[in-house]
Amino acid sequence: QVQLVESGGGLVQPGGSLRLSCAASGFTFRLYAMSWYRQAPGKEPELVASITYDESLTNYAVSVKGRFTITRDNAKYTVYLQMNSLKPEATDVYYCYGGLGRNDYWGQGAQVTVSS
């Protein structure tokens, strides 16, 4: 059974930091590119960051470049998103995504709220 379980979301003040984690199981994690998306109510999902299966390449949305960092630990079947200097507009539900060929998997989402 495939599972992607996000954790680490919550409420943080503007300028603060959070680290999201996504624990994977049920598929060969080390072969999959992994990504983080975020989605506000009524809007399309937005790609925040992605990382290749071997960590050789990362990609970021322009709005988060320089403040967010995606990493992965293939031995732990986990992908992370370190978010620094958070702004109120980062308030969203953040989803972990894994894709390889025609296979794609989504987590259940983690709420991130940036507010004073």
C-alpha atoms as a PDB file:
ATOM      1  CA  GLN A   1       0.000   0.000   0.000  1.00  0.00           C
ATOM      2  CA  VAL A   2       1.473   3.295  -1.134  1.00  0.00           C
ATOM      3  CA  GLN A   3       1.570   6.059   1.430  1.00  0.00           C
ATOM      4  CA  LEU A   4       2.987   9.560   1.547  1.00  0.00           C
ATOM      5  CA  VAL A   5       2.547  11.112   4.972  1.00  0.00           C
ATOM      6  CA  GLU A   6       3.388  14.765   5.492  1.00  0.00           C
ATOM      7  CA  SER A   7       4.236  16.271   8.862  1.00  0.00           C
ATOM      8  CA  GLY A   8       5.693  19.468  10.266  1.00  0.00           C
ATOM      9  CA  GLY A   9       3.026  21.933   9.235  1.00  0.00           C
ATOM     10  CA  GLY A  10       1.556  24.468  11.606  1.00  0.00           C
ATOM     11  CA  LEU A  11       1.289  28.129  12.510  1.00  0.00           C
ATOM     12  CA  VAL A  12       4.349  30.356  12.260  1.00  0.00           C
ATOM     13  CA  GLN A  13       4.901  34.093  12.389  1.00  0.00           C
ATOM     14  CA  PRO A  14       6.077  36.003   9.315  1.00  0.00           C
ATOM     15  CA  GLY A  15       9.821  35.658   8.975  1.00  0.00           C
ATOM     16  CA  GLY A  16       9.814  32.319  10.754  1.00  0.00           C
ATOM     17  CA  SER A  17      10.766  28.846   9.577  1.00  0.00           C
ATOM     18  CA  LEU A  18       9.165  25.443   9.254  1.00  0.00           C
ATOM     19  CA  ARG A  19      10.407  22.107   7.991  1.00  0.00           C
ATOM     20  CA  LEU A  20       7.974  19.767   6.294  1.00  0.00           C
ATOM     21  CA  SER A  21       8.699  16.059   6.106  1.00  0.00           C
ATOM     22  CA  CYS A  22       7.120  13.448   3.865  1.00  0.00           C
ATOM     23  CA  ALA A  23       7.555   9.797   4.807  1.00  0.00           C
ATOM     24  CA  ALA A  24       7.045   7.388   1.917  1.00  0.00           C
ATOM     25  CA  SER A  25       6.208   3.703   1.912  1.00  0.00           C
ATOM     26  CA  GLY A  26       4.906   1.063  -0.454  1.00  0.00           C
ATOM     27  CA  PHE A  27       7.020   1.955  -3.496  1.00  0.00           C
ATOM     28  CA  THR A  28      10.698   2.161  -4.453  1.00  0.00           C
ATOM     29  CA  PHE A  29      11.261   5.679  -3.201  1.00  0.00           C
ATOM     30  CA  ARG A  30      14.862   5.987  -4.397  1.00  0.00           C
ATOM     31  CA  LEU A  31      13.731   5.706  -8.059  1.00  0.00           C
ATOM     32  CA  TYR A  32      11.146   8.489  -7.890  1.00  0.00           C
ATOM     33  CA  ALA A  33      11.487  12.208  -8.432  1.00  0.00           C
ATOM     34  CA  MET A  34       9.795  13.963  -5.522  1.00  0.00           C
ATOM     35  CA  SER A  35       8.093  17.318  -5.309  1.00  0.00           C
ATOM     36  CA  TRP A  36       6.234  19.630  -3.012  1.00  0.00           C
ATOM     37  CA  TYR A  37       3.116  21.396  -4.223  1.00  0.00           C
ATOM     38  CA  ARG A  38       0.844  23.843  -2.465  1.00  0.00           C
ATOM     39  CA  GLN A  39      -2.770  24.678  -3.063  1.00  0.00           C
ATOM     40  CA  ALA A  40      -5.076  27.397  -1.829  1.00  0.00           C
ATOM     41  CA  PRO A  41      -8.852  26.862  -1.793  1.00  0.00           C
ATOM     42  CA  GLY A  42     -10.302  27.245  -5.266  1.00  0.00           C
ATOM     43  CA  LYS A  43      -6.923  27.407  -6.963  1.00  0.00           C
ATOM     44  CA  GLU A  44      -4.812  25.008  -8.986  1.00  0.00           C
ATOM     45  CA  PRO A  45      -1.893  23.269  -7.257  1.00  0.00           C
ATOM     46  CA  GLU A  46       1.371  25.170  -7.568  1.00  0.00           C
ATOM     47  CA  LEU A  47       4.726  23.433  -7.835  1.00  0.00           C
ATOM     48  CA  VAL A  48       6.934  24.683  -5.012  1.00  0.00           C
ATOM     49  CA  ALA A  49      10.050  22.538  -5.377  1.00  0.00           C
ATOM     50  CA  SER A  50      11.211  19.283  -6.902  1.00  0.00           C
ATOM     51  CA  ILE A  51      14.220  17.000  -6.633  1.00  0.00           C
ATOM     52  CA  THR A  52      15.443  14.201  -8.860  1.00  0.00           C
ATOM     53  CA  TYR A  53      15.708  10.623  -7.637  1.00  0.00           C
ATOM     54  CA  ASP A  54      19.477  10.947  -7.114  1.00  0.00           C
ATOM     55  CA  GLU A  55      19.452  14.523  -5.734  1.00  0.00           C
ATOM     56  CA  SER A  56      21.428  15.717  -8.772  1.00  0.00           C
ATOM     57  CA  LEU A  57      18.919  18.428  -9.658  1.00  0.00           C
ATOM     58  CA  THR A  58      16.489  20.624  -7.771  1.00  0.00           C
ATOM     59  CA  ASN A  59      13.970  23.111  -9.057  1.00  0.00           C
ATOM     60  CA  TYR A  60      12.089  25.877  -7.272  1.00  0.00           C
ATOM     61  CA  ALA A  61       9.237  28.241  -7.912  1.00  0.00           C
ATOM     62  CA  VAL A  62      10.515  31.769  -8.423  1.00  0.00           C
ATOM     63  CA  SER A  63       8.549  32.935  -5.394  1.00  0.00           C
ATOM     64  CA  VAL A  64      10.442  30.634  -3.004  1.00  0.00           C
ATOM     65  CA  LYS A  65      13.912  30.444  -4.545  1.00  0.00           C
ATOM     66  CA  GLY A  66      16.591  31.291  -2.020  1.00  0.00           C
ATOM     67  CA  ARG A  67      14.274  30.754   0.949  1.00  0.00           C
ATOM     68  CA  PHE A  68      13.054  27.145   0.557  1.00  0.00           C
ATOM     69  CA  THR A  69      15.250  24.053   0.235  1.00  0.00           C
ATOM     70  CA  ILE A  70      14.160  20.576  -0.836  1.00  0.00           C
ATOM     71  CA  THR A  71      16.230  17.583   0.221  1.00  0.00           C
ATOM     72  CA  ARG A  72      15.733  13.852   0.467  1.00  0.00           C
ATOM     73  CA  ASP A  73      17.090  10.899   2.382  1.00  0.00           C
ATOM     74  CA  ASN A  74      16.672   7.779   0.283  1.00  0.00           C
ATOM     75  CA  ALA A  75      17.732   5.535   3.141  1.00  0.00           C
ATOM     76  CA  LYS A  76      14.872   6.905   5.254  1.00  0.00           C
ATOM     77  CA  TYR A  77      12.347   7.116   2.390  1.00  0.00           C
ATOM     78  CA  THR A  78      11.774  10.742   3.289  1.00  0.00           C
ATOM     79  CA  VAL A  79      11.734  14.072   1.474  1.00  0.00           C
ATOM     80  CA  TYR A  80      11.957  17.414   3.255  1.00  0.00           C
ATOM     81  CA  LEU A  81      11.088  21.021   2.571  1.00  0.00           C
ATOM     82  CA  GLN A  82      12.905  23.585   4.685  1.00  0.00           C
ATOM     83  CA  MET A  83      11.038  26.876   4.552  1.00  0.00           C
ATOM     84  CA  ASN A  84      12.744  30.026   5.825  1.00  0.00           C
ATOM     85  CA  SER A  85      11.753  33.685   5.876  1.00  0.00           C
ATOM     86  CA  LEU A  86       8.133  32.707   5.538  1.00  0.00           C
ATOM     87  CA  LYS A  87       5.637  35.242   4.255  1.00  0.00           C
ATOM     88  CA  PRO A  88       1.858  35.344   4.823  1.00  0.00           C
ATOM     89  CA  GLU A  89       1.286  34.445   1.164  1.00  0.00           C
ATOM     90  CA  ALA A  90       2.890  31.066   1.840  1.00  0.00           C
ATOM     91  CA  THR A  91      -0.252  30.074   3.758  1.00  0.00           C
ATOM     92  CA  ASP A  92      -1.555  26.991   1.957  1.00  0.00           C
ATOM     93  CA  VAL A  93      -1.943  23.259   2.169  1.00  0.00           C
ATOM     94  CA  TYR A  94       1.349  21.644   1.139  1.00  0.00           C
ATOM     95  CA  TYR A  95       1.336  18.290  -0.626  1.00  0.00           C
ATOM     96  CA  CYS A  96       4.085  15.780  -1.167  1.00  0.00           C
ATOM     97  CA  TYR A  97       4.172  14.181  -4.635  1.00  0.00           C
ATOM     98  CA  GLY A  98       6.137  11.299  -6.094  1.00  0.00           C
ATOM     99  CA  GLY A  99       6.260  10.518  -9.812  1.00  0.00           C
ATOM    100  CA  LEU A 100       7.866   7.976 -12.130  1.00  0.00           C
ATOM    101  CA  GLY A 101       6.513   7.274 -15.581  1.00  0.00           C
ATOM    102  CA  ARG A 102       2.792   6.681 -15.314  1.00  0.00           C
ATOM    103  CA  ASN A 103       2.928   6.226 -11.555  1.00  0.00           C
ATOM    104  CA  ASP A 104       2.192   9.185  -9.368  1.00  0.00           C
ATOM    105  CA  TYR A 105       1.362   9.441  -5.707  1.00  0.00           C
ATOM    106  CA  TRP A 106       0.094  12.233  -3.481  1.00  0.00           C
ATOM    107  CA  GLY A 107       0.128  12.783   0.240  1.00  0.00           C
ATOM    108  CA  GLN A 108      -2.853  13.980   2.246  1.00  0.00           C
ATOM    109  CA  GLY A 109      -1.476  17.474   2.747  1.00  0.00           C
ATOM    110  CA  ALA A 110      -0.142  19.575   5.605  1.00  0.00           C
ATOM    111  CA  GLN A 111      -1.520  22.992   6.511  1.00  0.00           C
ATOM    112  CA  VAL A 112       0.989  25.815   6.751  1.00  0.00           C
ATOM    113  CA  THR A 113      -0.267  29.112   8.147  1.00  0.00           C
ATOM    114  CA  VAL A 114       1.927  32.209   8.277  1.00  0.00           C
ATOM    115  CA  SER A 115       0.334  34.843  10.437  1.00  0.00           C
ATOM    116  CA  SER A 116       1.089  37.172  13.313  1.00  0.00           C
END
